[in-house]
Amino acid sequence: MSFETVNYVLNGTVATITMNRPDALNALSMQMGNDLRSAIQKAAAEGVRAVVLTGAGRAFSSGGDLKEMQEMGEAEGRIEAFLDSPLKSLHGLIRLIRETPIPFIAAVNGICAGAGVNLALACDIVIASDDAAFREAFVRIGLTPDCGGTFFLPRAIGEKLAAELLMTGDSISSERAAQIGMINRVVPAASLMSESAKLAVKLAMGPTGSIGRIKRMLNASFSNDLTAQLVLEAECQIKSGQSSDFKEGLAAFFDKRPPVFTGK
C-alpha cells in the first residue's frame, strides 16, 4: 500500500510515518489526514509495536492547509466548508492515535504550528529537535484551536500556561516547551531520528500489551474519579497478569536474565 502524502517505512516492529508535503510545510490537507489514518491502520494490522511520526523537510507540520481551506470555501460558497468534513477527518485521526493501543512517538523537526502542534501532543511521547518551535497559531488568524489542543495542552502544562499560548498564538522554542512539560525532551537536530528510533525500539521490545493498557488508563485518568480509576486498574492488571509477557517477565526475574517480550 502506498500513500500520496505520507511515507511509510517498516523496520522490524517499528513503523516510521513521515508526512511528506515539504513544499507546503506538511500542511494537513484532507488527503494527508486520510493518508495518516490509513498508515496507522496499516501499522496496527501489521502488528507494529511502536510508531514514530515525523515530517519531511523543514517542518513537522504547519497546521491546517489554509490554501485548501480557501479553495473549498470558494467552491462551496462558504469559508467554513473546510471546517466540516476535513476537520471531522482530522479529529478522527486524533482519536485513532489515542485509541490505538501501541506507543506513538512524535519526532518534531522545525516548524510545528496549529493543528500540527496538537497532532504531536496526541502522541504518547514527544521528542523535538533543538531547532523546533511550537505555535498554537489559530488565534492569529481569528480561529480557535482544534485537533484536541484545548484537551491536550492544559493537561500537559496547566490551565494558565495553556491559556497564554492559545490566546496569544506566541511561538515557543523546543527548549521552553520541554521546560514547561509540553514535550518530553530536546535533542540535536542531527540526532532527532536516531534518538526517536532508539526509544521506539525500546518500547517495541517491551510488553506492548501492558503498554497499550497503560495508554488506555492514562486516557481515562482525567475523567474518572478515583474509584472508577481503581476499577479500571484492577481490570487491566488482571489482563496483564493473564498475559504471556507476565509469565516471561516473572521467569526472567527469577532466572536473572533480560526478558524477551512478545506483546502477548
C-alpha atoms as a PDB file:
ATOM      1  CA  MET A   1       0.000   0.000   0.000  1.00  0.00           C
ATOM      2  CA  SER A   2       1.366   3.404  -0.994  1.00  0.00           C
ATOM      3  CA  PHE A   3       0.212   6.842   0.077  1.00  0.00           C
ATOM      4  CA  GLU A   4       0.016  10.151  -1.767  1.00  0.00           C
ATOM      5  CA  THR A   5       1.180  12.440   1.041  1.00  0.00           C
ATOM      6  CA  VAL A   6       2.808  10.089   3.540  1.00  0.00           C
ATOM      7  CA  ASN A   7       5.876   7.832   3.539  1.00  0.00           C
ATOM      8  CA  TYR A   8       5.600   4.583   5.462  1.00  0.00           C
ATOM      9  CA  VAL A   9       8.700   2.606   6.413  1.00  0.00           C
ATOM     10  CA  LEU A  10       8.624  -0.589   8.445  1.00  0.00           C
ATOM     11  CA  ASN A  11      11.799  -1.596  10.265  1.00  0.00           C
ATOM     12  CA  GLY A  12      11.211  -4.738  12.265  1.00  0.00           C
ATOM     13  CA  THR A  13       8.316  -3.955  14.593  1.00  0.00           C
ATOM     14  CA  VAL A  14       8.706  -0.147  14.346  1.00  0.00           C
ATOM     15  CA  ALA A  15       6.876   1.892  11.710  1.00  0.00           C
ATOM     16  CA  THR A  16       8.041   5.384  10.771  1.00  0.00           C
ATOM     17  CA  ILE A  17       5.299   7.515   9.252  1.00  0.00           C
ATOM     18  CA  THR A  18       6.574  10.687   7.597  1.00  0.00           C
ATOM     19  CA  MET A  19       4.273  13.483   6.489  1.00  0.00           C
ATOM     20  CA  ASN A  20       5.557  14.233   3.007  1.00  0.00           C
ATOM     21  CA  ARG A  21       4.383  17.602   1.721  1.00  0.00           C
ATOM     22  CA  PRO A  22       7.617  19.523   2.360  1.00  0.00           C
ATOM     23  CA  ASP A  23       6.803  22.306  -0.120  1.00  0.00           C
ATOM     24  CA  ALA A  24       3.628  23.012   1.881  1.00  0.00           C
ATOM     25  CA  LEU A  25       5.423  22.593   5.224  1.00  0.00           C
ATOM     26  CA  ASN A  26       3.416  19.402   5.678  1.00  0.00           C
ATOM     27  CA  ALA A  27       0.149  21.299   5.997  1.00  0.00           C
ATOM     28  CA  LEU A  28      -2.651  18.950   6.997  1.00  0.00           C
ATOM     29  CA  SER A  29      -4.766  18.635   3.887  1.00  0.00           C
ATOM     30  CA  MET A  30      -7.755  16.322   3.743  1.00  0.00           C
ATOM     31  CA  GLN A  31      -5.679  13.872   1.710  1.00  0.00           C
ATOM     32  CA  MET A  32      -2.914  13.870   4.308  1.00  0.00           C
ATOM     33  CA  GLY A  33      -5.414  13.294   7.094  1.00  0.00           C
ATOM     34  CA  ASN A  34      -6.810  10.303   5.219  1.00  0.00           C
ATOM     35  CA  ASP A  35      -3.324   9.002   4.415  1.00  0.00           C
ATOM     36  CA  LEU A  36      -2.216   9.269   8.042  1.00  0.00           C
ATOM     37  CA  ARG A  37      -5.261   7.351   9.209  1.00  0.00           C
ATOM     38  CA  SER A  38      -4.678   4.633   6.604  1.00  0.00           C
ATOM     39  CA  ALA A  39      -0.974   4.388   7.512  1.00  0.00           C
ATOM     40  CA  ILE A  40      -1.792   3.967  11.207  1.00  0.00           C
ATOM     41  CA  GLN A  41      -4.392   1.328  10.408  1.00  0.00           C
ATOM     42  CA  LYS A  42      -1.792  -0.442   8.258  1.00  0.00           C
ATOM     43  CA  ALA A  43       0.687  -0.363  11.153  1.00  0.00           C
ATOM     44  CA  ALA A  44      -1.851  -1.859  13.529  1.00  0.00           C
ATOM     45  CA  ALA A  45      -2.812  -4.558  11.021  1.00  0.00           C
ATOM     46  CA  GLU A  46       0.853  -5.487  10.523  1.00  0.00           C
ATOM     47  CA  GLY A  47       1.409  -5.965  14.243  1.00  0.00           C
ATOM     48  CA  VAL A  48       3.665  -2.931  14.597  1.00  0.00           C
ATOM     49  CA  ARG A  49       4.677  -2.395  18.222  1.00  0.00           C
ATOM     50  CA  ALA A  50       5.728   1.287  18.080  1.00  0.00           C
ATOM     51  CA  VAL A  51       5.203   4.193  15.669  1.00  0.00           C
ATOM     52  CA  VAL A  52       7.389   7.232  15.001  1.00  0.00           C
ATOM     53  CA  LEU A  53       5.565  10.176  13.410  1.00  0.00           C
ATOM     54  CA  THR A  54       7.613  12.951  11.797  1.00  0.00           C
ATOM     55  CA  GLY A  55       7.672  15.417   8.904  1.00  0.00           C
ATOM     56  CA  ALA A  56       9.777  15.703   5.762  1.00  0.00           C
ATOM     57  CA  GLY A  57      11.807  18.838   5.120  1.00  0.00           C
ATOM     58  CA  ARG A  58      11.969  21.787   7.474  1.00  0.00           C
ATOM     59  CA  ALA A  59       8.656  21.289   9.256  1.00  0.00           C
ATOM     60  CA  PHE A  60       6.846  18.717  11.322  1.00  0.00           C
ATOM     61  CA  SER A  61       3.571  20.327  10.246  1.00  0.00           C
ATOM     62  CA  SER A  62       2.466  23.931   9.793  1.00  0.00           C
ATOM     63  CA  GLY A  63      -1.108  23.004  10.710  1.00  0.00           C
ATOM     64  CA  GLY A  64      -4.260  23.026   8.637  1.00  0.00           C
ATOM     65  CA  ASP A  65      -3.928  23.664   4.910  1.00  0.00           C
ATOM     66  CA  LEU A  66      -5.168  27.266   4.594  1.00  0.00           C
ATOM     67  CA  LYS A  67      -4.897  27.206   0.800  1.00  0.00           C
ATOM     68  CA  GLU A  68      -7.142  24.162   0.629  1.00  0.00           C
ATOM     69  CA  MET A  69      -9.460  25.819   3.153  1.00  0.00           C
ATOM     70  CA  GLN A  70      -9.792  28.887   0.934  1.00  0.00           C
ATOM     71  CA  GLU A  71     -10.322  26.830  -2.231  1.00  0.00           C
ATOM     72  CA  MET A  72     -13.021  24.701  -0.599  1.00  0.00           C
ATOM     73  CA  GLY A  73     -14.715  27.808   0.737  1.00  0.00           C
ATOM     74  CA  GLU A  74     -14.770  29.426  -2.688  1.00  0.00           C
ATOM     75  CA  ALA A  75     -16.036  26.258  -4.358  1.00  0.00           C
ATOM     76  CA  GLU A  76     -18.880  25.782  -1.874  1.00  0.00           C
ATOM     77  CA  GLY A  77     -19.604  29.443  -1.249  1.00  0.00           C
ATOM     78  CA  ARG A  78     -18.842  29.227   2.467  1.00  0.00           C
ATOM     79  CA  ILE A  79     -15.412  29.503   4.074  1.00  0.00           C
ATOM     80  CA  GLU A  80     -16.370  27.115   6.851  1.00  0.00           C
ATOM     81  CA  ALA A  81     -16.643  24.254   4.334  1.00  0.00           C
ATOM     82  CA  PHE A  82     -13.103  23.162   5.247  1.00  0.00           C
ATOM     83  CA  LEU A  83     -14.114  23.036   8.883  1.00  0.00           C
ATOM     84  CA  ASP A  84     -16.757  20.420   8.163  1.00  0.00           C
ATOM     85  CA  SER A  85     -15.756  17.071   6.609  1.00  0.00           C
ATOM     86  CA  PRO A  86     -11.970  17.702   6.570  1.00  0.00           C
ATOM     87  CA  LEU A  87     -11.960  18.677  10.236  1.00  0.00           C
ATOM     88  CA  LYS A  88     -14.014  15.615  11.127  1.00  0.00           C
ATOM     89  CA  SER A  89     -11.389  13.544   9.296  1.00  0.00           C
ATOM     90  CA  LEU A  90      -8.554  15.137  11.277  1.00  0.00           C
ATOM     91  CA  HIS A  91     -10.431  14.648  14.527  1.00  0.00           C
ATOM     92  CA  GLY A  92     -10.882  11.005  13.584  1.00  0.00           C
ATOM     93  CA  LEU A  93      -7.107  10.824  13.155  1.00  0.00           C
ATOM     94  CA  ILE A  94      -6.533  12.249  16.637  1.00  0.00           C
ATOM     95  CA  ARG A  95      -8.908   9.704  18.168  1.00  0.00           C
ATOM     96  CA  LEU A  96      -7.228   6.903  16.237  1.00  0.00           C
ATOM     97  CA  ILE A  97      -3.813   7.818  17.670  1.00  0.00           C
ATOM     98  CA  ARG A  98      -5.206   7.905  21.202  1.00  0.00           C
ATOM     99  CA  GLU A  99      -7.249   4.699  20.843  1.00  0.00           C
ATOM    100  CA  THR A 100      -4.655   2.542  19.060  1.00  0.00           C
ATOM    101  CA  PRO A 101      -3.015   0.511  21.862  1.00  0.00           C
ATOM    102  CA  ILE A 102       0.573   0.961  20.715  1.00  0.00           C
ATOM    103  CA  PRO A 103       3.006   3.750  21.653  1.00  0.00           C
ATOM    104  CA  PHE A 104       3.360   6.736  19.321  1.00  0.00           C
ATOM    105  CA  ILE A 105       6.448   8.963  19.345  1.00  0.00           C
ATOM    106  CA  ALA A 106       6.276  12.360  17.678  1.00  0.00           C
ATOM    107  CA  ALA A 107       9.709  13.340  16.332  1.00  0.00           C
ATOM    108  CA  VAL A 108       9.198  17.077  15.874  1.00  0.00           C
ATOM    109  CA  ASN A 109      11.515  18.816  13.450  1.00  0.00           C
ATOM    110  CA  GLY A 110      11.472  22.529  12.661  1.00  0.00           C
ATOM    111  CA  ILE A 111       8.116  24.278  12.323  1.00  0.00           C
ATOM    112  CA  CYS A 112       5.237  22.891  14.361  1.00  0.00           C
ATOM    113  CA  ALA A 113       2.141  25.085  14.344  1.00  0.00           C
ATOM    114  CA  GLY A 114      -1.604  24.991  14.858  1.00  0.00           C
ATOM    115  CA  ALA A 115      -3.089  21.553  14.318  1.00  0.00           C
ATOM    116  CA  GLY A 116       0.464  20.267  13.831  1.00  0.00           C
ATOM    117  CA  VAL A 117       1.173  21.037  17.497  1.00  0.00           C
ATOM    118  CA  ASN A 118      -1.933  19.179  18.568  1.00  0.00           C
ATOM    119  CA  LEU A 119      -1.116  16.217  16.325  1.00  0.00           C
ATOM    120  CA  ALA A 120       2.227  15.964  18.122  1.00  0.00           C
ATOM    121  CA  LEU A 121       0.573  16.295  21.534  1.00  0.00           C
ATOM    122  CA  ALA A 122      -1.817  13.458  20.655  1.00  0.00           C
ATOM    123  CA  CYS A 123       1.205  11.150  20.546  1.00  0.00           C
ATOM    124  CA  ASP A 124       2.312   9.453  23.751  1.00  0.00           C
ATOM    125  CA  ILE A 125       5.844  10.856  23.763  1.00  0.00           C
ATOM    126  CA  VAL A 126       7.186  13.979  22.029  1.00  0.00           C
ATOM    127  CA  ILE A 127      10.873  14.421  21.179  1.00  0.00           C
ATOM    128  CA  ALA A 128      11.855  17.660  19.448  1.00  0.00           C
ATOM    129  CA  SER A 129      14.959  18.894  17.681  1.00  0.00           C
ATOM    130  CA  ASP A 130      16.786  21.866  19.143  1.00  0.00           C
ATOM    131  CA  ASP A 131      15.693  23.982  16.162  1.00  0.00           C
ATOM    132  CA  ALA A 132      11.996  23.157  16.507  1.00  0.00           C
ATOM    133  CA  ALA A 133       9.414  25.739  17.554  1.00  0.00           C
ATOM    134  CA  PHE A 134       5.805  25.326  18.662  1.00  0.00           C
ATOM    135  CA  ARG A 135       2.979  27.772  17.972  1.00  0.00           C
ATOM    136  CA  GLU A 136      -0.726  27.337  18.699  1.00  0.00           C
ATOM    137  CA  ALA A 137      -1.348  29.761  15.869  1.00  0.00           C
ATOM    138  CA  PHE A 138      -5.142  29.568  15.484  1.00  0.00           C
ATOM    139  CA  VAL A 139      -5.929  32.872  17.187  1.00  0.00           C
ATOM    140  CA  ARG A 140      -3.534  34.732  14.898  1.00  0.00           C
ATOM    141  CA  ILE A 141      -5.997  34.278  12.021  1.00  0.00           C
ATOM    142  CA  GLY A 142      -9.158  34.540  14.109  1.00  0.00           C
ATOM    143  CA  LEU A 143      -9.777  30.821  14.585  1.00  0.00           C
ATOM    144  CA  THR A 144      -9.996  28.670  17.693  1.00  0.00           C
ATOM    145  CA  PRO A 145      -7.978  25.519  18.453  1.00  0.00           C
ATOM    146  CA  ASP A 146      -8.976  22.137  17.084  1.00  0.00           C
ATOM    147  CA  CYS A 147      -7.463  18.630  16.899  1.00  0.00           C
ATOM    148  CA  GLY A 148      -7.542  18.355  20.684  1.00  0.00           C
ATOM    149  CA  GLY A 149      -5.473  21.423  21.555  1.00  0.00           C
ATOM    150  CA  THR A 150      -7.754  22.531  24.375  1.00  0.00           C
ATOM    151  CA  PHE A 151      -7.700  18.963  25.716  1.00  0.00           C
ATOM    152  CA  PHE A 152      -4.038  18.001  25.497  1.00  0.00           C
ATOM    153  CA  LEU A 153      -2.284  21.289  26.228  1.00  0.00           C
ATOM    154  CA  PRO A 154      -3.812  22.165  29.637  1.00  0.00           C
ATOM    155  CA  ARG A 155      -3.284  18.594  30.774  1.00  0.00           C
ATOM    156  CA  ALA A 156       0.380  18.849  29.851  1.00  0.00           C
ATOM    157  CA  ILE A 157       1.242  22.330  31.149  1.00  0.00           C
ATOM    158  CA  GLY A 158      -1.689  23.551  33.259  1.00  0.00           C
ATOM    159  CA  GLU A 159      -4.585  25.883  32.537  1.00  0.00           C
ATOM    160  CA  LYS A 160      -2.797  29.223  32.910  1.00  0.00           C
ATOM    161  CA  LEU A 161       0.137  28.496  30.620  1.00  0.00           C
ATOM    162  CA  ALA A 162      -2.218  26.845  28.135  1.00  0.00           C
ATOM    163  CA  ALA A 163      -4.423  29.931  28.131  1.00  0.00           C
ATOM    164  CA  GLU A 164      -1.414  32.136  27.389  1.00  0.00           C
ATOM    165  CA  LEU A 165      -0.178  30.016  24.485  1.00  0.00           C
ATOM    166  CA  LEU A 166      -3.650  29.517  22.994  1.00  0.00           C
ATOM    167  CA  MET A 167      -4.810  33.123  23.419  1.00  0.00           C
ATOM    168  CA  THR A 168      -1.635  34.833  22.178  1.00  0.00           C
ATOM    169  CA  GLY A 169      -0.554  32.391  19.493  1.00  0.00           C
ATOM    170  CA  ASP A 170       3.045  33.104  20.519  1.00  0.00           C
ATOM    171  CA  SER A 171       5.827  30.766  19.405  1.00  0.00           C
ATOM    172  CA  ILE A 172       7.980  28.971  21.951  1.00  0.00           C
ATOM    173  CA  SER A 173      11.248  27.134  21.442  1.00  0.00           C
ATOM    174  CA  SER A 174      11.567  23.402  21.920  1.00  0.00           C
ATOM    175  CA  GLU A 175      13.754  24.103  24.961  1.00  0.00           C
ATOM    176  CA  ARG A 176      10.979  26.152  26.565  1.00  0.00           C
ATOM    177  CA  ALA A 177       8.396  23.515  25.607  1.00  0.00           C
ATOM    178  CA  ALA A 178      10.449  20.897  27.451  1.00  0.00           C
ATOM    179  CA  GLN A 179      10.872  23.153  30.488  1.00  0.00           C
ATOM    180  CA  ILE A 180       7.116  23.569  30.933  1.00  0.00           C
ATOM    181  CA  GLY A 181       6.325  19.896  30.376  1.00  0.00           C
ATOM    182  CA  MET A 182       4.731  20.298  26.949  1.00  0.00           C
ATOM    183  CA  ILE A 183       7.161  17.790  25.410  1.00  0.00           C
ATOM    184  CA  ASN A 184       9.449  15.104  26.790  1.00  0.00           C
ATOM    185  CA  ARG A 185      12.873  16.220  25.667  1.00  0.00           C
ATOM    186  CA  VAL A 186      15.041  18.083  23.165  1.00  0.00           C
ATOM    187  CA  VAL A 187      17.863  16.569  21.128  1.00  0.00           C
ATOM    188  CA  PRO A 188      20.234  17.968  18.485  1.00  0.00           C
ATOM    189  CA  ALA A 189      18.565  18.163  15.085  1.00  0.00           C
ATOM    190  CA  ALA A 190      21.112  15.770  13.593  1.00  0.00           C
ATOM    191  CA  SER A 191      20.181  13.034  16.060  1.00  0.00           C
ATOM    192  CA  LEU A 192      16.396  13.523  16.195  1.00  0.00           C
ATOM    193  CA  MET A 193      15.511  10.474  14.143  1.00  0.00           C
ATOM    194  CA  SER A 194      18.154   8.196  15.643  1.00  0.00           C
ATOM    195  CA  GLU A 195      17.094   9.096  19.192  1.00  0.00           C
ATOM    196  CA  SER A 196      13.422   8.657  18.315  1.00  0.00           C
ATOM    197  CA  ALA A 197      14.147   5.297  16.674  1.00  0.00           C
ATOM    198  CA  LYS A 198      16.145   4.186  19.708  1.00  0.00           C
ATOM    199  CA  LEU A 199      13.226   4.925  22.016  1.00  0.00           C
ATOM    200  CA  ALA A 200      10.766   3.301  19.610  1.00  0.00           C
ATOM    201  CA  VAL A 201      12.825   0.106  19.563  1.00  0.00           C
ATOM    202  CA  LYS A 202      12.979   0.115  23.370  1.00  0.00           C
ATOM    203  CA  LEU A 203       9.204   0.418  23.589  1.00  0.00           C
ATOM    204  CA  ALA A 204       8.665  -2.168  20.852  1.00  0.00           C
ATOM    205  CA  MET A 205      10.807  -4.666  22.772  1.00  0.00           C
ATOM    206  CA  GLY A 206       8.715  -4.101  25.885  1.00  0.00           C
ATOM    207  CA  PRO A 207       5.455  -5.772  26.926  1.00  0.00           C
ATOM    208  CA  THR A 208       3.375  -3.804  24.440  1.00  0.00           C
ATOM    209  CA  GLY A 209       0.137  -5.359  25.683  1.00  0.00           C
ATOM    210  CA  SER A 210       0.860  -3.759  29.048  1.00  0.00           C
ATOM    211  CA  ILE A 211       1.875  -0.509  27.340  1.00  0.00           C
ATOM    212  CA  GLY A 212      -1.431  -0.445  25.461  1.00  0.00           C
ATOM    213  CA  ARG A 213      -3.309  -0.891  28.728  1.00  0.00           C
ATOM    214  CA  ILE A 214      -1.234   1.895  30.318  1.00  0.00           C
ATOM    215  CA  LYS A 215      -2.293   4.129  27.431  1.00  0.00           C
ATOM    216  CA  ARG A 216      -5.939   3.207  27.992  1.00  0.00           C
ATOM    217  CA  MET A 217      -5.676   4.042  31.699  1.00  0.00           C
ATOM    218  CA  LEU A 218      -3.959   7.351  31.067  1.00  0.00           C
ATOM    219  CA  ASN A 219      -6.689   8.270  28.598  1.00  0.00           C
ATOM    220  CA  ALA A 220      -9.316   7.631  31.273  1.00  0.00           C
ATOM    221  CA  SER A 221      -7.468   9.155  34.224  1.00  0.00           C
ATOM    222  CA  PHE A 222      -8.656  12.743  33.768  1.00  0.00           C
ATOM    223  CA  SER A 223     -12.344  11.864  33.506  1.00  0.00           C
ATOM    224  CA  ASN A 224     -12.553   9.028  36.038  1.00  0.00           C
ATOM    225  CA  ASP A 225     -12.888   9.586  39.742  1.00  0.00           C
ATOM    226  CA  LEU A 226     -10.567   7.583  41.991  1.00  0.00           C
ATOM    227  CA  THR A 227     -12.980   4.685  42.414  1.00  0.00           C
ATOM    228  CA  ALA A 228     -13.558   4.318  38.686  1.00  0.00           C
ATOM    229  CA  GLN A 229      -9.825   4.520  38.000  1.00  0.00           C
ATOM    230  CA  LEU A 230      -9.070   1.843  40.599  1.00  0.00           C
ATOM    231  CA  VAL A 231     -11.667  -0.409  38.965  1.00  0.00           C
ATOM    232  CA  LEU A 232     -10.025   0.151  35.581  1.00  0.00           C
ATOM    233  CA  GLU A 233      -6.572  -0.506  37.057  1.00  0.00           C
ATOM    234  CA  ALA A 234      -7.781  -3.782  38.525  1.00  0.00           C
ATOM    235  CA  GLU A 235      -9.309  -4.817  35.184  1.00  0.00           C
ATOM    236  CA  CYS A 236      -6.111  -4.005  33.304  1.00  0.00           C
ATOM    237  CA  GLN A 237      -3.925  -5.661  35.901  1.00  0.00           C
ATOM    238  CA  ILE A 238      -5.910  -8.890  35.620  1.00  0.00           C
ATOM    239  CA  LYS A 239      -5.462  -8.858  31.837  1.00  0.00           C
ATOM    240  CA  SER A 240      -1.749  -8.156  32.265  1.00  0.00           C
ATOM    241  CA  GLY A 241      -1.447 -10.952  34.799  1.00  0.00           C
ATOM    242  CA  GLN A 242      -3.009 -13.370  32.319  1.00  0.00           C
ATOM    243  CA  SER A 243      -0.550 -12.434  29.567  1.00  0.00           C
ATOM    244  CA  SER A 244       2.356 -14.441  28.238  1.00  0.00           C
ATOM    245  CA  ASP A 245       4.555 -11.403  28.808  1.00  0.00           C
ATOM    246  CA  PHE A 246       3.893 -11.508  32.561  1.00  0.00           C
ATOM    247  CA  LYS A 247       4.883 -15.179  32.663  1.00  0.00           C
ATOM    248  CA  GLU A 248       8.045 -14.338  30.729  1.00  0.00           C
ATOM    249  CA  GLY A 249       8.800 -11.322  32.904  1.00  0.00           C
ATOM    250  CA  LEU A 250       8.422 -13.383  36.060  1.00  0.00           C
ATOM    251  CA  ALA A 251      10.574 -16.206  34.701  1.00  0.00           C
ATOM    252  CA  ALA A 252      13.260 -13.751  33.613  1.00  0.00           C
ATOM    253  CA  PHE A 253      13.233 -12.124  37.049  1.00  0.00           C
ATOM    254  CA  PHE A 254      13.900 -15.417  38.811  1.00  0.00           C
ATOM    255  CA  ASP A 255      16.388 -16.551  36.163  1.00  0.00           C
ATOM    256  CA  LYS A 256      18.219 -13.223  36.489  1.00  0.00           C
ATOM    257  CA  ARG A 257      18.142 -12.595  32.723  1.00  0.00           C
ATOM    258  CA  PRO A 258      16.611  -9.953  30.445  1.00  0.00           C
ATOM    259  CA  PRO A 259      13.002 -10.768  29.497  1.00  0.00           C
ATOM    260  CA  VAL A 260      12.033 -11.432  25.887  1.00  0.00           C
ATOM    261  CA  PHE A 261       8.573  -9.950  25.477  1.00  0.00           C
ATOM    262  CA  THR A 262       6.265 -10.697  22.561  1.00  0.00           C
ATOM    263  CA  GLY A 263       3.444  -8.245  23.265  1.00  0.00           C
ATOM    264  CA  LYS A 264       1.070 -11.136  24.028  1.00  0.00           C
END
